Protein backbone atom coordinates (compact mmCIF):
# COMPACT_ATOMS: atom_id res chain seq x y z
CA MET A 1 34.98 -12.94 -7.27
CA ASP A 2 30.84 -13.78 -7.68
CA GLU A 3 30.85 -14.51 -3.86
CA LEU A 4 31.32 -10.86 -3.02
CA ASP A 5 28.50 -9.79 -5.28
CA ASP A 6 26.29 -9.19 -2.83
CA LEU A 7 28.38 -7.37 -0.26
CA PRO A 8 27.66 -3.75 0.25
CA GLU A 9 30.54 -1.53 -0.63
CA LEU A 10 32.81 -0.70 2.13
CA SER A 11 32.25 3.65 3.01
CA PHE A 12 35.33 3.86 1.87
CA ALA A 13 35.71 2.75 -1.33
CA GLY A 14 34.15 4.41 -4.84
CA VAL A 15 33.02 7.74 -5.87
CA GLN A 16 32.59 9.29 -2.84
CA THR A 17 29.14 10.77 -4.12
CA PHE A 18 25.90 11.57 -1.54
CA LEU A 19 24.80 8.25 -0.02
CA LYS A 20 27.34 6.92 -3.08
CA ALA A 21 24.42 7.47 -5.18
CA GLU A 22 24.26 7.38 -9.10
CA GLN A 23 25.43 10.28 -10.73
CA ALA A 24 23.55 12.55 -13.27
CA ASP A 25 23.88 15.47 -14.77
CA VAL A 26 22.11 18.37 -13.88
CA ASP A 27 19.25 18.37 -16.55
CA ASP A 28 18.80 14.79 -16.21
CA VAL A 29 18.25 14.20 -13.03
CA GLY A 30 14.46 12.69 -13.67
CA GLU A 31 11.37 12.89 -12.19
CA SER A 32 11.64 9.40 -10.49
CA VAL A 33 13.90 9.63 -8.56
CA ASP A 34 13.34 11.29 -5.46
CA VAL A 35 16.13 13.32 -4.47
CA GLY A 36 18.96 15.53 -6.93
CA VAL A 37 21.80 16.55 -4.46
CA LEU A 38 23.99 19.83 -5.21
CA GLY A 39 26.94 21.32 -4.11
CA VAL A 40 28.48 24.77 -3.74
CA PRO A 41 31.90 24.30 -2.59
CA PHE A 42 31.81 28.50 -2.30
CA ASP A 43 32.61 30.40 1.13
CA GLY A 44 33.62 33.59 -1.01
CA ALA A 45 31.20 35.58 1.89
CA VAL A 46 32.13 34.59 4.67
CA SER A 47 33.22 37.51 7.39
CA ARG A 48 35.27 35.47 9.61
CA GLN A 49 36.82 31.92 8.89
CA PRO A 50 36.94 30.33 5.36
CA GLY A 51 36.98 26.87 4.72
CA ALA A 52 33.20 25.71 3.90
CA ARG A 53 34.52 25.09 0.42
CA PHE A 54 35.33 21.96 1.35
CA GLY A 55 32.56 21.12 2.93
CA PRO A 56 30.51 19.93 0.16
CA GLY A 57 33.58 16.98 -0.76
CA ALA A 58 32.64 16.09 3.72
CA ILE A 59 29.39 15.21 3.73
CA ARG A 60 29.25 12.75 0.93
CA GLU A 61 32.09 11.34 2.20
CA ALA A 62 30.15 10.97 5.75
CA SER A 63 27.11 10.02 4.29
CA ALA A 64 28.25 6.88 2.57
CA TRP A 65 28.95 5.42 6.29
CA TYR A 66 24.54 5.25 5.59
CA ALA A 67 25.39 3.65 2.24
CA TYR A 68 27.07 0.82 3.67
CA LEU A 69 24.67 0.64 6.11
CA GLY A 70 21.72 1.04 3.17
CA GLY A 71 23.43 -1.65 2.17
CA TYR A 72 22.28 -5.37 3.96
CA LYS A 73 19.28 -6.58 2.93
CA GLY A 74 16.54 -6.05 5.06
CA GLY A 75 18.02 -2.46 6.08
CA VAL A 76 18.78 -1.63 9.30
CA HIS A 77 16.60 -0.72 12.53
CA ASN A 78 17.21 3.18 13.98
CA VAL A 79 16.22 2.49 17.18
CA GLU A 80 15.67 6.43 18.39
CA THR A 81 13.07 6.19 15.45
CA ASP A 82 11.67 3.00 16.21
CA GLN A 83 11.98 1.87 12.13
CA THR A 84 13.51 -0.35 10.01
CA VAL A 85 14.96 1.41 7.18
CA ASP A 86 17.11 0.56 3.97
CA TYR A 87 18.11 3.75 3.08
CA GLY A 88 18.75 2.70 -0.77
CA ASP A 89 15.37 2.86 -1.55
CA VAL A 90 15.79 6.52 -1.34
CA GLU A 91 16.13 7.12 -5.21
CA VAL A 92 18.75 9.87 -5.07
CA ARG A 93 21.46 11.17 -7.76
CA ASP A 94 24.44 13.81 -7.50
CA CYS A 95 24.64 16.04 -9.90
CA GLY A 96 28.36 17.02 -8.15
CA ASP A 97 28.77 20.83 -8.00
CA VAL A 98 27.79 23.75 -8.88
CA PRO A 99 30.56 25.81 -11.48
CA THR A 100 31.61 28.32 -8.83
CA VAL A 101 34.42 31.31 -8.94
CA PRO A 102 35.59 31.51 -5.71
CA THR A 103 36.64 35.07 -6.10
CA SER A 104 33.47 36.55 -6.84
CA ILE A 105 29.82 36.54 -5.59
CA GLU A 106 28.58 37.91 -9.13
CA ARG A 107 29.67 35.22 -11.28
CA THR A 108 28.22 32.33 -8.95
CA ARG A 109 25.23 33.28 -8.34
CA PRO A 110 23.05 33.07 -11.39
CA GLN A 111 25.33 29.46 -11.44
CA ILE A 112 24.04 28.35 -8.41
CA GLU A 113 20.50 29.38 -8.93
CA ALA A 114 20.25 27.91 -12.09
CA ALA A 115 21.64 24.97 -10.93
CA VAL A 116 18.72 24.85 -8.36
CA GLU A 117 16.11 25.82 -10.32
CA THR A 118 16.88 23.54 -13.03
CA VAL A 119 17.25 20.13 -10.23
CA ALA A 120 14.02 21.22 -9.03
CA ASP A 121 11.65 21.54 -11.91
CA GLN A 122 12.51 17.57 -11.93
CA THR A 123 12.44 16.70 -8.65
CA PHE A 124 13.56 17.47 -4.50
CA PRO A 125 16.71 19.62 -4.41
CA LEU A 126 19.42 19.34 -1.64
CA VAL A 127 22.38 21.33 -1.48
CA LEU A 128 25.36 21.30 0.54
CA GLY A 129 27.17 24.01 1.11
CA GLY A 130 29.35 26.61 1.23
CA ASP A 131 28.76 29.34 2.98
CA HIS A 132 25.50 30.42 3.72
CA TYR A 133 25.01 33.48 1.01
CA VAL A 134 24.43 29.90 -0.86
CA THR A 135 20.71 29.65 0.64
CA TYR A 136 20.07 33.56 -1.50
CA PRO A 137 20.32 32.03 -4.92
CA SER A 138 19.33 28.54 -3.54
CA PHE A 139 15.69 29.67 -2.31
CA LEU A 140 15.94 31.93 -5.35
CA GLY A 141 16.03 29.06 -7.94
CA TYR A 142 13.71 26.61 -5.85
CA ALA A 143 11.21 29.56 -5.81
CA ARG A 144 11.40 29.98 -10.22
CA SER A 145 11.21 26.46 -10.34
CA VAL A 146 7.17 27.13 -8.47
CA GLY A 147 6.86 29.74 -9.11
CA GLU A 148 4.74 31.31 -6.04
CA ARG A 149 5.84 32.61 -2.40
CA VAL A 150 8.00 30.15 -0.45
CA GLY A 151 8.04 30.21 2.99
CA LEU A 152 11.39 29.43 4.76
CA VAL A 153 12.70 28.24 7.61
CA HIS A 154 15.66 29.16 9.09
CA LEU A 155 17.86 26.42 11.75
CA ASP A 156 20.80 29.06 12.29
CA ALA A 157 22.81 30.59 15.41
CA HIS A 158 22.69 34.53 13.55
CA SER A 159 19.56 35.75 11.52
CA ASP A 160 21.56 37.01 8.82
CA THR A 161 19.44 39.93 8.37
CA VAL A 162 21.95 42.45 7.51
CA GLU A 163 20.79 44.89 5.13
CA SER A 164 24.06 46.35 4.68
CA SER A 165 27.53 46.10 5.60
CA THR A 166 30.14 49.20 5.71
CA LEU A 167 32.63 46.17 5.20
CA TYR A 168 31.26 43.34 3.10
CA GLY A 169 28.03 45.33 0.83
CA GLU A 170 24.75 43.32 0.90
CA HIS A 171 25.88 40.00 -0.37
CA PHE A 172 28.00 38.05 1.93
CA HIS A 173 26.45 35.50 4.21
CA GLY A 174 25.56 37.92 6.94
CA SER A 175 22.78 39.19 4.43
CA PRO A 176 20.82 36.37 2.36
CA MET A 177 17.75 36.89 4.68
CA ALA A 178 17.55 40.47 4.10
CA ARG A 179 18.16 39.88 -0.10
CA ILE A 180 15.36 36.67 0.08
CA ASP A 181 13.05 39.19 1.74
CA GLU A 182 13.65 41.74 -1.23
CA SER A 183 12.62 39.34 -3.61
CA ALA A 184 9.28 38.07 -5.20
CA PHE A 185 9.24 34.96 -3.78
CA GLY A 186 10.27 35.53 -0.05
CA GLY A 187 9.23 37.34 3.32
CA TYR A 188 10.02 37.71 7.15
CA GLU A 189 6.39 37.09 7.26
CA ASN A 190 6.89 33.52 5.74
CA HIS A 191 10.39 33.41 7.81
CA ALA A 192 10.64 31.39 10.76
CA MET A 193 14.14 31.17 12.39
CA VAL A 194 14.92 28.54 15.49
CA GLY A 195 18.03 28.29 17.71
CA ILE A 196 19.09 32.58 16.99
CA ARG A 197 21.69 33.59 19.99
CA GLY A 198 24.53 35.11 20.65
CA TYR A 199 24.91 38.99 19.68
CA GLU A 200 22.69 40.28 16.73
CA GLY A 201 22.64 44.54 15.25
CA PRO A 202 20.26 46.78 17.71
CA GLU A 203 17.78 46.63 14.66
CA PHE A 204 17.08 42.73 15.35
CA PRO A 205 14.16 43.28 17.88
CA ASP A 206 12.61 45.42 16.26
CA LEU A 207 12.20 43.92 12.36
CA VAL A 208 11.01 40.52 14.89
CA ASP A 209 8.21 42.71 16.08
CA GLU A 210 7.03 44.84 13.16
CA ARG A 211 7.85 42.12 10.31
CA GLY A 212 6.17 39.26 11.43
CA LEU A 213 9.51 37.00 11.79
CA HIS A 214 9.07 34.30 13.94
CA VAL A 215 12.33 33.00 15.44
CA SER A 216 12.22 30.64 18.40
CA TYR A 217 15.64 31.93 20.51
CA ALA A 218 18.08 28.88 21.90
CA PRO A 219 16.96 29.62 24.97
CA ASP A 220 13.41 28.75 24.10
CA VAL A 221 14.48 25.46 22.96
CA ARG A 222 15.99 24.64 26.02
CA GLU A 223 13.00 25.80 27.78
CA ARG A 224 10.12 24.05 25.63
CA GLY A 225 12.12 21.29 23.45
CA ILE A 226 12.97 21.76 19.89
CA GLU A 227 10.22 19.87 18.87
CA ALA A 228 7.51 22.62 19.69
CA CYS A 229 9.54 24.98 18.04
CA VAL A 230 10.33 23.57 14.97
CA ARG A 231 6.80 22.46 14.50
CA ASP A 232 5.79 26.52 15.52
CA ALA A 233 7.80 27.33 12.79
CA VAL A 234 6.90 25.64 10.42
CA ASP A 235 3.15 26.54 11.22
CA HIS A 236 4.61 30.42 10.84
CA ALA A 237 6.42 29.23 7.33
CA THR A 238 3.44 27.77 5.80
CA ASP A 239 0.60 30.41 6.28
CA GLY A 240 -0.88 31.50 3.37
CA VAL A 241 2.28 28.89 0.85
CA ASP A 242 2.34 25.95 -0.32
CA HIS A 243 6.00 25.57 -0.53
CA VAL A 244 8.24 25.72 1.74
CA TYR A 245 12.40 25.92 1.65
CA LEU A 246 14.52 24.64 4.42
CA THR A 247 17.87 26.04 5.22
CA VAL A 248 20.31 24.23 7.54
CA ASP A 249 23.89 26.31 8.86
CA ILE A 250 25.69 23.87 11.36
CA ASP A 251 26.41 26.67 13.94
CA ALA A 252 22.85 26.51 15.00
CA VAL A 253 24.57 23.55 17.23
CA ASP A 254 26.78 23.99 19.72
CA PRO A 255 30.48 23.49 18.59
CA ALA A 256 30.81 21.86 21.42
CA TYR A 257 29.20 18.66 19.34
CA ALA A 258 30.15 20.76 15.77
CA PRO A 259 33.15 22.94 15.71
CA GLY A 260 33.98 23.19 11.81
CA THR A 261 32.43 26.47 11.14
CA GLY A 262 33.07 29.53 10.37
CA THR A 263 31.23 31.62 13.11
CA PRO A 264 30.41 28.93 16.09
CA GLU A 265 28.05 30.52 18.73
CA PRO A 266 28.36 28.95 22.30
CA GLY A 267 25.32 27.94 23.41
CA GLY A 268 23.32 26.24 20.93
CA LEU A 269 21.36 22.78 20.02
CA THR A 270 23.22 19.61 21.28
CA SER A 271 23.28 17.32 18.23
CA ALA A 272 20.12 15.07 19.36
CA ASP A 273 18.41 17.93 19.01
CA LEU A 274 19.24 18.68 15.47
CA LEU A 275 18.56 15.00 14.77
CA THR A 276 15.39 15.34 16.35
CA ALA A 277 14.21 18.65 14.79
CA MET A 278 14.89 16.48 11.17
CA ASP A 279 13.02 13.84 11.91
CA VAL A 280 9.79 16.30 12.69
CA LEU A 281 10.47 18.75 9.63
CA GLY A 282 10.67 15.30 7.46
CA GLU A 283 7.03 14.99 8.29
CA TYR A 284 5.68 17.95 6.09
CA ASP A 285 4.89 17.53 2.82
CA GLU A 286 5.21 20.99 2.23
CA ILE A 287 9.38 21.17 2.54
CA GLY A 288 9.71 21.18 -1.52
CA ALA A 289 13.63 21.63 -0.84
CA MET A 290 16.63 21.89 0.85
CA ASP A 291 20.50 22.32 2.35
CA LEU A 292 22.54 22.61 4.70
CA MET A 293 25.69 24.94 5.41
CA GLU A 294 28.99 25.91 6.77
CA VAL A 295 30.52 22.89 7.18
CA ALA A 296 34.11 23.79 7.70
CA PRO A 297 36.13 20.30 8.59
CA LYS A 298 39.43 20.77 8.13
CA LEU A 299 38.34 23.26 11.17
CA ASP A 300 37.31 20.10 12.39
CA PRO A 301 39.70 17.68 13.18
CA THR A 302 37.57 14.99 15.12
CA GLU A 303 35.17 14.83 11.56
CA SER A 304 32.50 15.08 13.84
CA THR A 305 30.81 18.33 12.23
CA GLN A 306 30.42 16.02 8.55
CA ARG A 307 29.43 13.38 10.37
CA LEU A 308 26.55 15.03 12.19
CA ALA A 309 25.73 17.22 9.31
CA ALA A 310 25.50 13.46 6.75
CA ASN A 311 23.28 11.96 9.43
CA ALA A 312 21.20 15.13 9.75
CA ILE A 313 20.48 15.23 6.16
CA VAL A 314 20.19 11.24 6.51
CA ARG A 315 17.29 11.60 9.09
CA PHE A 316 15.40 14.13 6.83
CA LEU A 317 15.47 11.83 4.57
CA GLU A 318 14.49 9.14 6.30
CA ALA A 319 11.33 10.76 7.62
CA LYS A 320 9.92 12.01 4.18
CA PHE A 321 10.55 9.61 2.22
CA LEU A 322 10.90 6.07 4.17
CA SER A 323 8.54 6.73 6.75
């Protein structure tokens, strides 16, 4: 077997951690590590189609392809960024999944917040969702770690700014940005959205005008290009703050490219737009935490959605840690 020792592990073999990373306890990631990964298999706050609880596992499995590529000596050449990279050079630890209670937001939320805060005390937290409500406790966990106000860059089809719903109340996946705005660490004045489209509540235009929320709608992206819109978003989110949280809802992407999500909206970003956005966002040191939400793999028999999600995360890590 000695002649096989130097071969990269096949993508479909071995333990399916993110990027085939070593496993670690949440409180033992280590400050020398680049990224600590947390899965949150929770979709108890959805309003339409469930299935995002299976997102973390699917994204991890899809990421194994890039670990396989990174297993080659000398790395691989990314023809889009014109860089030769070895993904094995990013020190990642996978902390497994946060304990969740599928029927209880109230019991799950503090578990997420505590886990993200613990990882953020040591390194860059990467959270794999899960429905988009998960962003609220994840943001709070990161913000409590840095102990300061935190800006928010938010790629999504929907604003998720519902104050309260007659049916779902104040805590569901349409409300996390409203809850962040109410917190001591967030606010619409440092919140920038990219890709919003479809239908919002009638109060949304007033919210944008009166609270300083920055929005690049999907038509803006088509007219101005994704790079310009993303850079404007970061400028807004970083105004007066030193730390930024990045949240990516996969439904920011058009369902033609990413159908595996519970609330798809036509007219969205292309897969190329998303990858370019990740390249640009990875340039900013202010971004100290990231999540990717709403991948529901059972709604996409082609597996394209989780593959795009994994590719997007890897492109962000490449820009942040390997450029």
